[in-house]
Amino acid sequence: MMRTIQISTDVFAAIWARRSDAEHSEDEILSRLLAVKKTNAQPSSARDLQTQIGFHDPRYGVKIPHGFEIYRTYKGKEYRAPATKVFGFGMERVTQV
């Protein structure tokens, strides 16, 4: 059975910063870091955060669904990016048109 815990964005980012290539969930990361041996085989709750969350900024109440494309023109050049919440990454998803 999985449980939900409340953590800050900083702690969440720190957990994912310690992820190994084979780990796809917070449970897998924390199990390794805390040396927890699984007693019952739970199915992995693997998820792709880049495709499930979209973007949400609670400071301004902005919610953008997954798949929404953001576009802007800057100094005469058009830039596009999908609305995704990406932790620990920069602008690599932005493409110039």
PDB file of N, CA and C in Angstrom:
ATOM      1  N   MET A   1       0.843  -1.176   0.000  1.00  0.00           N
ATOM      2  CA  MET A   1       0.000   0.000   0.000  1.00  0.00           C
ATOM      3  C   MET A   1       0.892   1.244   0.000  1.00  0.00           C
ATOM      4  N   MET A   2       0.613   2.166  -0.868  1.00  0.00           N
ATOM      5  CA  MET A   2       1.383   3.409  -0.949  1.00  0.00           C
ATOM      6  C   MET A   2       0.747   4.469  -0.058  1.00  0.00           C
ATOM      7  N   ARG A   3       1.575   5.316   0.495  1.00  0.00           N
ATOM      8  CA  ARG A   3       1.140   6.427   1.343  1.00  0.00           C
ATOM      9  C   ARG A   3       1.564   7.746   0.716  1.00  0.00           C
ATOM     10  N   THR A   4       0.859   8.808   1.023  1.00  0.00           N
ATOM     11  CA  THR A   4       1.193  10.146   0.538  1.00  0.00           C
ATOM     12  C   THR A   4       1.820  10.932   1.678  1.00  0.00           C
ATOM     13  N   ILE A   5       2.914  11.643   1.387  1.00  0.00           N
ATOM     14  CA  ILE A   5       3.552  12.500   2.388  1.00  0.00           C
ATOM     15  C   ILE A   5       3.668  13.912   1.816  1.00  0.00           C
ATOM     16  N   GLN A   6       3.675  14.896   2.676  1.00  0.00           N
ATOM     17  CA  GLN A   6       3.829  16.285   2.273  1.00  0.00           C
ATOM     18  C   GLN A   6       5.290  16.676   2.435  1.00  0.00           C
ATOM     19  N   ILE A   7       5.918  17.137   1.350  1.00  0.00           N
ATOM     20  CA  ILE A   7       7.300  17.599   1.398  1.00  0.00           C
ATOM     21  C   ILE A   7       7.410  18.889   0.604  1.00  0.00           C
ATOM     22  N   SER A   8       8.423  19.668   0.911  1.00  0.00           N
ATOM     23  CA  SER A   8       8.633  20.924   0.188  1.00  0.00           C
ATOM     24  C   SER A   8       9.214  20.639  -1.191  1.00  0.00           C
ATOM     25  N   THR A   9       9.152  21.610  -2.056  1.00  0.00           N
ATOM     26  CA  THR A   9       9.724  21.481  -3.394  1.00  0.00           C
ATOM     27  C   THR A   9      11.225  21.254  -3.322  1.00  0.00           C
ATOM     28  N   ASP A  10      11.889  21.894  -2.367  1.00  0.00           N
ATOM     29  CA  ASP A  10      13.335  21.715  -2.209  1.00  0.00           C
ATOM     30  C   ASP A  10      13.684  20.270  -1.861  1.00  0.00           C
ATOM     31  N   VAL A  11      12.915  19.664  -0.960  1.00  0.00           N
ATOM     32  CA  VAL A  11      13.160  18.270  -0.580  1.00  0.00           C
ATOM     33  C   VAL A  11      12.856  17.351  -1.762  1.00  0.00           C
ATOM     34  N   PHE A  12      11.769  17.619  -2.477  1.00  0.00           N
ATOM     35  CA  PHE A  12      11.413  16.829  -3.653  1.00  0.00           C
ATOM     36  C   PHE A  12      12.535  16.869  -4.686  1.00  0.00           C
ATOM     37  N   ALA A  13      13.065  18.069  -4.949  1.00  0.00           N
ATOM     38  CA  ALA A  13      14.161  18.214  -5.911  1.00  0.00           C
ATOM     39  C   ALA A  13      15.409  17.481  -5.430  1.00  0.00           C
ATOM     40  N   ALA A  14      15.673  17.522  -4.117  1.00  0.00           N
ATOM     41  CA  ALA A  14      16.847  16.831  -3.565  1.00  0.00           C
ATOM     42  C   ALA A  14      16.711  15.318  -3.718  1.00  0.00           C
ATOM     43  N   ILE A  15      15.504  14.802  -3.542  1.00  0.00           N
ATOM     44  CA  ILE A  15      15.281  13.366  -3.727  1.00  0.00           C
ATOM     45  C   ILE A  15      15.589  12.978  -5.171  1.00  0.00           C
ATOM     46  N   TRP A  16      15.035  13.718  -6.116  1.00  0.00           N
ATOM     47  CA  TRP A  16      15.245  13.397  -7.529  1.00  0.00           C
ATOM     48  C   TRP A  16      16.671  13.650  -7.979  1.00  0.00           C
ATOM     49  N   ALA A  17      17.381  14.548  -7.325  1.00  0.00           N
ATOM     50  CA  ALA A  17      18.786  14.791  -7.667  1.00  0.00           C
ATOM     51  C   ALA A  17      19.651  13.577  -7.321  1.00  0.00           C
ATOM     52  N   ARG A  18      19.187  12.747  -6.394  1.00  0.00           N
ATOM     53  CA  ARG A  18      19.937  11.568  -5.976  1.00  0.00           C
ATOM     54  C   ARG A  18      19.475  10.297  -6.682  1.00  0.00           C
ATOM     55  N   ARG A  19      18.668  10.431  -7.723  1.00  0.00           N
ATOM     56  CA  ARG A  19      18.134   9.298  -8.475  1.00  0.00           C
ATOM     57  C   ARG A  19      19.220   8.636  -9.304  1.00  0.00           C
ATOM     58  N   SER A  20      19.207   7.310  -9.331  1.00  0.00           N
ATOM     59  CA  SER A  20      20.088   6.577 -10.245  1.00  0.00           C
ATOM     60  C   SER A  20      19.303   6.313 -11.535  1.00  0.00           C
ATOM     61  N   ASP A  21      19.997   5.907 -12.584  1.00  0.00           N
ATOM     62  CA  ASP A  21      19.355   5.719 -13.883  1.00  0.00           C
ATOM     63  C   ASP A  21      18.212   4.710 -13.860  1.00  0.00           C
ATOM     64  N   ALA A  22      18.302   3.707 -13.020  1.00  0.00           N
ATOM     65  CA  ALA A  22      17.296   2.647 -12.992  1.00  0.00           C
ATOM     66  C   ALA A  22      16.074   2.999 -12.135  1.00  0.00           C
ATOM     67  N   GLU A  23      16.100   4.102 -11.434  1.00  0.00           N
ATOM     68  CA  GLU A  23      15.003   4.463 -10.526  1.00  0.00           C
ATOM     69  C   GLU A  23      14.030   5.417 -11.222  1.00  0.00           C
ATOM     70  N   HIS A  24      12.724   5.095 -11.079  1.00  0.00           N
ATOM     71  CA  HIS A  24      11.704   5.880 -11.762  1.00  0.00           C
ATOM     72  C   HIS A  24      10.632   6.420 -10.829  1.00  0.00           C
ATOM     73  N   SER A  25      10.799   6.272  -9.535  1.00  0.00           N
ATOM     74  CA  SER A  25       9.805   6.792  -8.588  1.00  0.00           C
ATOM     75  C   SER A  25      10.508   7.216  -7.304  1.00  0.00           C
ATOM     76  N   GLU A  26       9.807   8.035  -6.530  1.00  0.00           N
ATOM     77  CA  GLU A  26      10.351   8.463  -5.249  1.00  0.00           C
ATOM     78  C   GLU A  26      10.555   7.264  -4.323  1.00  0.00           C
ATOM     79  N   ASP A  27       9.639   6.288  -4.395  1.00  0.00           N
ATOM     80  CA  ASP A  27       9.739   5.094  -3.567  1.00  0.00           C
ATOM     81  C   ASP A  27      11.047   4.347  -3.844  1.00  0.00           C
ATOM     82  N   GLU A  28      11.389   4.185  -5.094  1.00  0.00           N
ATOM     83  CA  GLU A  28      12.634   3.491  -5.448  1.00  0.00           C
ATOM     84  C   GLU A  28      13.859   4.262  -4.972  1.00  0.00           C
ATOM     85  N   ILE A  29      13.840   5.579  -5.132  1.00  0.00           N
ATOM     86  CA  ILE A  29      14.977   6.413  -4.710  1.00  0.00           C
ATOM     87  C   ILE A  29      15.162   6.338  -3.199  1.00  0.00           C
ATOM     88  N   LEU A  30      14.074   6.564  -2.462  1.00  0.00           N
ATOM     89  CA  LEU A  30      14.167   6.573  -1.002  1.00  0.00           C
ATOM     90  C   LEU A  30      14.466   5.178  -0.441  1.00  0.00           C
ATOM     91  N   SER A  31      13.963   4.130  -1.087  1.00  0.00           N
ATOM     92  CA  SER A  31      14.277   2.766  -0.627  1.00  0.00           C
ATOM     93  C   SER A  31      15.775   2.519  -0.668  1.00  0.00           C
ATOM     94  N   ARG A  32      16.411   2.959  -1.743  1.00  0.00           N
ATOM     95  CA  ARG A  32      17.865   2.779  -1.845  1.00  0.00           C
ATOM     96  C   ARG A  32      18.587   3.648  -0.826  1.00  0.00           C
ATOM     97  N   LEU A  33      18.211   4.929  -0.735  1.00  0.00           N
ATOM     98  CA  LEU A  33      18.899   5.852   0.179  1.00  0.00           C
ATOM     99  C   LEU A  33      18.757   5.432   1.638  1.00  0.00           C
ATOM    100  N   LEU A  34      17.605   4.869   1.993  1.00  0.00           N
ATOM    101  CA  LEU A  34      17.348   4.473   3.381  1.00  0.00           C
ATOM    102  C   LEU A  34      17.653   2.999   3.628  1.00  0.00           C
ATOM    103  N   ALA A  35      18.163   2.307   2.613  1.00  0.00           N
ATOM    104  CA  ALA A  35      18.506   0.878   2.704  1.00  0.00           C
ATOM    105  C   ALA A  35      17.326   0.045   3.178  1.00  0.00           C
ATOM    106  N   VAL A  36      16.161   0.303   2.603  1.00  0.00           N
ATOM    107  CA  VAL A  36      14.948  -0.437   2.945  1.00  0.00           C
ATOM    108  C   VAL A  36      14.842  -1.654   2.042  1.00  0.00           C
ATOM    109  N   LYS A  37      14.675  -2.816   2.666  1.00  0.00           N
ATOM    110  CA  LYS A  37      14.477  -4.041   1.901  1.00  0.00           C
ATOM    111  C   LYS A  37      12.976  -4.268   1.782  1.00  0.00           C
ATOM    112  N   LYS A  38      12.504  -4.431   0.557  1.00  0.00           N
ATOM    113  CA  LYS A  38      11.067  -4.614   0.329  1.00  0.00           C
ATOM    114  C   LYS A  38      10.652  -5.999   0.797  1.00  0.00           C
ATOM    115  N   THR A  39       9.618  -6.059   1.635  1.00  0.00           N
ATOM    116  CA  THR A  39       9.122  -7.339   2.137  1.00  0.00           C
ATOM    117  C   THR A  39       8.025  -7.885   1.238  1.00  0.00           C
ATOM    118  N   ASN A  40       7.237  -7.015   0.650  1.00  0.00           N
ATOM    119  CA  ASN A  40       6.207  -7.466  -0.295  1.00  0.00           C
ATOM    120  C   ASN A  40       6.436  -6.753  -1.619  1.00  0.00           C
ATOM    121  N   ALA A  41       6.389  -7.498  -2.676  1.00  0.00           N
ATOM    122  CA  ALA A  41       6.666  -6.942  -4.001  1.00  0.00           C
ATOM    123  C   ALA A  41       5.494  -6.088  -4.461  1.00  0.00           C
ATOM    124  N   GLN A  42       5.675  -4.790  -4.381  1.00  0.00           N
ATOM    125  CA  GLN A  42       4.666  -3.849  -4.862  1.00  0.00           C
ATOM    126  C   GLN A  42       4.996  -3.502  -6.308  1.00  0.00           C
ATOM    127  N   PRO A  43       3.995  -3.348  -7.170  1.00  0.00           N
ATOM    128  CA  PRO A  43       4.305  -2.910  -8.523  1.00  0.00           C
ATOM    129  C   PRO A  43       4.888  -1.505  -8.487  1.00  0.00           C
ATOM    130  N   SER A  44       5.883  -1.292  -9.302  1.00  0.00           N
ATOM    131  CA  SER A  44       6.527   0.013  -9.349  1.00  0.00           C
ATOM    132  C   SER A  44       5.545   1.064  -9.826  1.00  0.00           C
ATOM    133  N   SER A  45       5.522   2.175  -9.132  1.00  0.00           N
ATOM    134  CA  SER A  45       4.644   3.265  -9.556  1.00  0.00           C
ATOM    135  C   SER A  45       5.426   4.200 -10.459  1.00  0.00           C
ATOM    136  N   ALA A  46       6.120   3.624 -11.419  1.00  0.00           N
ATOM    137  CA  ALA A  46       6.932   4.421 -12.334  1.00  0.00           C
ATOM    138  C   ALA A  46       6.053   5.429 -13.051  1.00  0.00           C
ATOM    139  N   ARG A  47       6.574   6.603 -13.202  1.00  0.00           N
ATOM    140  CA  ARG A  47       5.817   7.638 -13.883  1.00  0.00           C
ATOM    141  C   ARG A  47       6.771   8.604 -14.531  1.00  0.00           C
ATOM    142  N   ASP A  48       6.300   9.226 -15.522  1.00  0.00           N
ATOM    143  CA  ASP A  48       7.095  10.218 -16.217  1.00  0.00           C
ATOM    144  C   ASP A  48       6.553  11.578 -15.817  1.00  0.00           C
ATOM    145  N   LEU A  49       7.240  12.245 -14.906  1.00  0.00           N
ATOM    146  CA  LEU A  49       6.760  13.523 -14.405  1.00  0.00           C
ATOM    147  C   LEU A  49       6.613  14.556 -15.508  1.00  0.00           C
ATOM    148  N   GLN A  50       7.436  14.470 -16.523  1.00  0.00           N
ATOM    149  CA  GLN A  50       7.357  15.455 -17.589  1.00  0.00           C
ATOM    150  C   GLN A  50       6.072  15.337 -18.387  1.00  0.00           C
ATOM    151  N   THR A  51       5.438  14.182 -18.407  1.00  0.00           N
ATOM    152  CA  THR A  51       4.239  14.037 -19.209  1.00  0.00           C
ATOM    153  C   THR A  51       2.969  13.933 -18.384  1.00  0.00           C
ATOM    154  N   GLN A  52       3.065  13.845 -17.075  1.00  0.00           N
ATOM    155  CA  GLN A  52       1.858  13.691 -16.274  1.00  0.00           C
ATOM    156  C   GLN A  52       1.394  14.967 -15.587  1.00  0.00           C
ATOM    157  N   ILE A  53       2.285  15.865 -15.299  1.00  0.00           N
ATOM    158  CA  ILE A  53       1.916  16.987 -14.453  1.00  0.00           C
ATOM    159  C   ILE A  53       1.421  18.209 -15.213  1.00  0.00           C
ATOM    160  N   GLY A  54       1.942  18.494 -16.406  1.00  0.00           N
ATOM    161  CA  GLY A  54       1.621  19.764 -17.029  1.00  0.00           C
ATOM    162  C   GLY A  54       2.375  20.837 -16.268  1.00  0.00           C
ATOM    163  N   PHE A  55       1.740  21.950 -15.990  1.00  0.00           N
ATOM    164  CA  PHE A  55       2.397  22.984 -15.197  1.00  0.00           C
ATOM    165  C   PHE A  55       1.385  23.612 -14.262  1.00  0.00           C
ATOM    166  N   HIS A  56       1.769  23.802 -13.005  1.00  0.00           N
ATOM    167  CA  HIS A  56       0.910  24.439 -12.008  1.00  0.00           C
ATOM    168  C   HIS A  56       1.755  25.378 -11.163  1.00  0.00           C
ATOM    169  N   ASP A  57       1.368  26.649 -11.126  1.00  0.00           N
ATOM    170  CA  ASP A  57       2.046  27.636 -10.285  1.00  0.00           C
ATOM    171  C   ASP A  57       1.043  28.133  -9.260  1.00  0.00           C
ATOM    172  N   PRO A  58       1.084  27.566  -8.033  1.00  0.00           N
ATOM    173  CA  PRO A  58       0.093  27.941  -7.022  1.00  0.00           C
ATOM    174  C   PRO A  58       0.211  29.389  -6.556  1.00  0.00           C
ATOM    175  N   ARG A  59       1.371  30.007  -6.765  1.00  0.00           N
ATOM    176  CA  ARG A  59       1.525  31.415  -6.354  1.00  0.00           C
ATOM    177  C   ARG A  59       0.531  32.313  -7.075  1.00  0.00           C
ATOM    178  N   TYR A  60       0.280  32.012  -8.338  1.00  0.00           N
ATOM    179  CA  TYR A  60      -0.605  32.848  -9.146  1.00  0.00           C
ATOM    180  C   TYR A  60      -1.875  32.111  -9.566  1.00  0.00           C
ATOM    181  N   GLY A  61      -2.048  30.901  -9.097  1.00  0.00           N
ATOM    182  CA  GLY A  61      -3.238  30.126  -9.431  1.00  0.00           C
ATOM    183  C   GLY A  61      -3.290  29.696 -10.891  1.00  0.00           C
ATOM    184  N   VAL A  62      -2.138  29.528 -11.509  1.00  0.00           N
ATOM    185  CA  VAL A  62      -2.072  29.158 -12.920  1.00  0.00           C
ATOM    186  C   VAL A  62      -1.983  27.641 -13.038  1.00  0.00           C
ATOM    187  N   LYS A  63      -2.886  27.047 -13.818  1.00  0.00           N
ATOM    188  CA  LYS A  63      -2.853  25.614 -14.105  1.00  0.00           C
ATOM    189  C   LYS A  63      -2.915  25.447 -15.614  1.00  0.00           C
ATOM    190  N   ILE A  64      -1.885  24.827 -16.176  1.00  0.00           N
ATOM    191  CA  ILE A  64      -1.827  24.583 -17.610  1.00  0.00           C
ATOM    192  C   ILE A  64      -1.779  23.077 -17.814  1.00  0.00           C
ATOM    193  N   PRO A  65      -2.715  22.515 -18.564  1.00  0.00           N
ATOM    194  CA  PRO A  65      -2.758  21.059 -18.736  1.00  0.00           C
ATOM    195  C   PRO A  65      -1.600  20.530 -19.565  1.00  0.00           C
ATOM    196  N   HIS A  66      -1.306  19.264 -19.364  1.00  0.00           N
ATOM    197  CA  HIS A  66      -0.267  18.590 -20.143  1.00  0.00           C
ATOM    198  C   HIS A  66      -0.597  18.709 -21.629  1.00  0.00           C
ATOM    199  N   GLY A  67       0.406  18.943 -22.429  1.00  0.00           N
ATOM    200  CA  GLY A  67       0.222  19.019 -23.872  1.00  0.00           C
ATOM    201  C   GLY A  67       0.005  20.422 -24.401  1.00  0.00           C
ATOM    202  N   PHE A  68      -0.312  21.370 -23.532  1.00  0.00           N
ATOM    203  CA  PHE A  68      -0.505  22.748 -23.964  1.00  0.00           C
ATOM    204  C   PHE A  68       0.838  23.314 -24.413  1.00  0.00           C
ATOM    205  N   GLU A  69       0.853  23.939 -25.570  1.00  0.00           N
ATOM    206  CA  GLU A  69       2.110  24.489 -26.082  1.00  0.00           C
ATOM    207  C   GLU A  69       2.168  25.996 -25.813  1.00  0.00           C
ATOM    208  N   ILE A  70       3.250  26.403 -25.158  1.00  0.00           N
ATOM    209  CA  ILE A  70       3.483  27.816 -24.862  1.00  0.00           C
ATOM    210  C   ILE A  70       4.355  28.369 -25.974  1.00  0.00           C
ATOM    211  N   TYR A  71       4.016  29.543 -26.458  1.00  0.00           N
ATOM    212  CA  TYR A  71       4.848  30.143 -27.499  1.00  0.00           C
ATOM    213  C   TYR A  71       4.982  31.638 -27.257  1.00  0.00           C
ATOM    214  N   ARG A  72       6.126  32.162 -27.581  1.00  0.00           N
ATOM    215  CA  ARG A  72       6.416  33.590 -27.425  1.00  0.00           C
ATOM    216  C   ARG A  72       7.349  34.018 -28.537  1.00  0.00           C
ATOM    217  N   THR A  73       7.275  35.286 -28.884  1.00  0.00           N
ATOM    218  CA  THR A  73       8.215  35.865 -29.836  1.00  0.00           C
ATOM    219  C   THR A  73       9.136  36.780 -29.046  1.00  0.00           C
ATOM    220  N   TYR A  74      10.435  36.550 -29.188  1.00  0.00           N
ATOM    221  CA  TYR A  74      11.431  37.337 -28.483  1.00  0.00           C
ATOM    222  C   TYR A  74      12.455  37.822 -29.490  1.00  0.00           C
ATOM    223  N   LYS A  75      12.580  39.115 -29.582  1.00  0.00           N
ATOM    224  CA  LYS A  75      13.508  39.742 -30.531  1.00  0.00           C
ATOM    225  C   LYS A  75      13.315  39.199 -31.949  1.00  0.00           C
ATOM    226  N   GLY A  76      12.049  39.081 -32.344  1.00  0.00           N
ATOM    227  CA  GLY A  76      11.723  38.666 -33.695  1.00  0.00           C
ATOM    228  C   GLY A  76      11.789  37.177 -33.960  1.00  0.00           C
ATOM    229  N   LYS A  77      12.145  36.366 -32.958  1.00  0.00           N
ATOM    230  CA  LYS A  77      12.216  34.919 -33.139  1.00  0.00           C
ATOM    231  C   LYS A  77      11.152  34.252 -32.288  1.00  0.00           C
ATOM    232  N   GLU A  78      10.499  33.243 -32.855  1.00  0.00           N
ATOM    233  CA  GLU A  78       9.451  32.534 -32.134  1.00  0.00           C
ATOM    234  C   GLU A  78      10.040  31.335 -31.392  1.00  0.00           C
ATOM    235  N   TYR A  79       9.627  31.165 -30.139  1.00  0.00           N
ATOM    236  CA  TYR A  79      10.051  30.047 -29.301  1.00  0.00           C
ATOM    237  C   TYR A  79       8.810  29.293 -28.847  1.00  0.00           C
ATOM    238  N   ARG A  80       8.900  27.948 -28.792  1.00  0.00           N
ATOM    239  CA  ARG A  80       7.788  27.100 -28.356  1.00  0.00           C
ATOM    240  C   ARG A  80       8.290  26.065 -27.357  1.00  0.00           C
ATOM    241  N   ALA A  81       7.420  25.720 -26.411  1.00  0.00           N
ATOM    242  CA  ALA A  81       7.751  24.685 -25.429  1.00  0.00           C
ATOM    243  C   ALA A  81       6.462  24.073 -24.906  1.00  0.00           C
ATOM    244  N   PRO A  82       6.481  22.767 -24.609  1.00  0.00           N
ATOM    245  CA  PRO A  82       5.305  22.151 -23.991  1.00  0.00           C
ATOM    246  C   PRO A  82       5.228  22.552 -22.520  1.00  0.00           C
ATOM    247  N   ALA A  83       4.022  22.657 -22.007  1.00  0.00           N
ATOM    248  CA  ALA A  83       3.831  22.988 -20.592  1.00  0.00           C
ATOM    249  C   ALA A  83       4.070  21.741 -19.763  1.00  0.00           C
ATOM    250  N   THR A  84       5.246  21.646 -19.156  1.00  0.00           N
ATOM    251  CA  THR A  84       5.566  20.512 -18.292  1.00  0.00           C
ATOM    252  C   THR A  84       6.315  21.018 -17.076  1.00  0.00           C
ATOM    253  N   LYS A  85       6.084  20.386 -15.971  1.00  0.00           N
ATOM    254  CA  LYS A  85       6.809  20.695 -14.746  1.00  0.00           C
ATOM    255  C   LYS A  85       8.039  19.803 -14.737  1.00  0.00           C
ATOM    256  N   VAL A  86       9.209  20.386 -14.899  1.00  0.00           N
ATOM    257  CA  VAL A  86      10.444  19.623 -14.981  1.00  0.00           C
ATOM    258  C   VAL A  86      11.320  20.037 -13.810  1.00  0.00           C
ATOM    259  N   PHE A  87      11.741  19.076 -13.009  1.00  0.00           N
ATOM    260  CA  PHE A  87      12.544  19.353 -11.833  1.00  0.00           C
ATOM    261  C   PHE A  87      14.015  19.157 -12.134  1.00  0.00           C
ATOM    262  N   GLY A  88      14.822  20.191 -11.902  1.00  0.00           N
ATOM    263  CA  GLY A  88      16.255  20.072 -12.060  1.00  0.00           C
ATOM    264  C   GLY A  88      16.744  20.198 -13.482  1.00  0.00           C
ATOM    265  N   PHE A  89      15.904  20.669 -14.378  1.00  0.00           N
ATOM    266  CA  PHE A  89      16.303  20.808 -15.764  1.00  0.00           C
ATOM    267  C   PHE A  89      16.147  22.253 -16.203  1.00  0.00           C
ATOM    268  N   GLY A  90      16.822  22.603 -17.252  1.00  0.00           N
ATOM    269  CA  GLY A  90      16.770  23.965 -17.756  1.00  0.00           C
ATOM    270  C   GLY A  90      15.831  24.108 -18.935  1.00  0.00           C
ATOM    271  N   MET A  91      16.301  24.793 -19.956  1.00  0.00           N
ATOM    272  CA  MET A  91      15.468  25.152 -21.088  1.00  0.00           C
ATOM    273  C   MET A  91      15.626  24.190 -22.263  1.00  0.00           C
ATOM    274  N   GLU A  92      16.065  22.965 -22.040  1.00  0.00           N
ATOM    275  CA  GLU A  92      16.330  22.072 -23.161  1.00  0.00           C
ATOM    276  C   GLU A  92      15.080  21.685 -23.938  1.00  0.00           C
ATOM    277  N   ARG A  93      13.890  21.891 -23.373  1.00  0.00           N
ATOM    278  CA  ARG A  93      12.654  21.521 -24.075  1.00  0.00           C
ATOM    279  C   ARG A  93      12.141  22.663 -24.942  1.00  0.00           C
ATOM    280  N   VAL A  94      12.743  23.847 -24.842  1.00  0.00           N
ATOM    281  CA  VAL A  94      12.311  24.990 -25.637  1.00  0.00           C
ATOM    282  C   VAL A  94      12.940  24.887 -27.016  1.00  0.00           C
ATOM    283  N   THR A  95      12.112  25.063 -28.037  1.00  0.00           N
ATOM    284  CA  THR A  95      12.630  25.004 -29.391  1.00  0.00           C
ATOM    285  C   THR A  95      12.382  26.331 -30.095  1.00  0.00           C
ATOM    286  N   GLN A  96      13.352  26.739 -30.900  1.00  0.00           N
ATOM    287  CA  GLN A  96      13.209  27.952 -31.684  1.00  0.00           C
ATOM    288  C   GLN A  96      12.563  27.573 -33.007  1.00  0.00           C
ATOM    289  N   VAL A  97      11.574  28.345 -33.418  1.00  0.00           N
ATOM    290  CA  VAL A  97      10.878  28.067 -34.675  1.00  0.00           C
ATOM    291  C   VAL A  97      11.460  28.909 -35.769  1.00  0.00           C
TER     292      VAL A  97
END
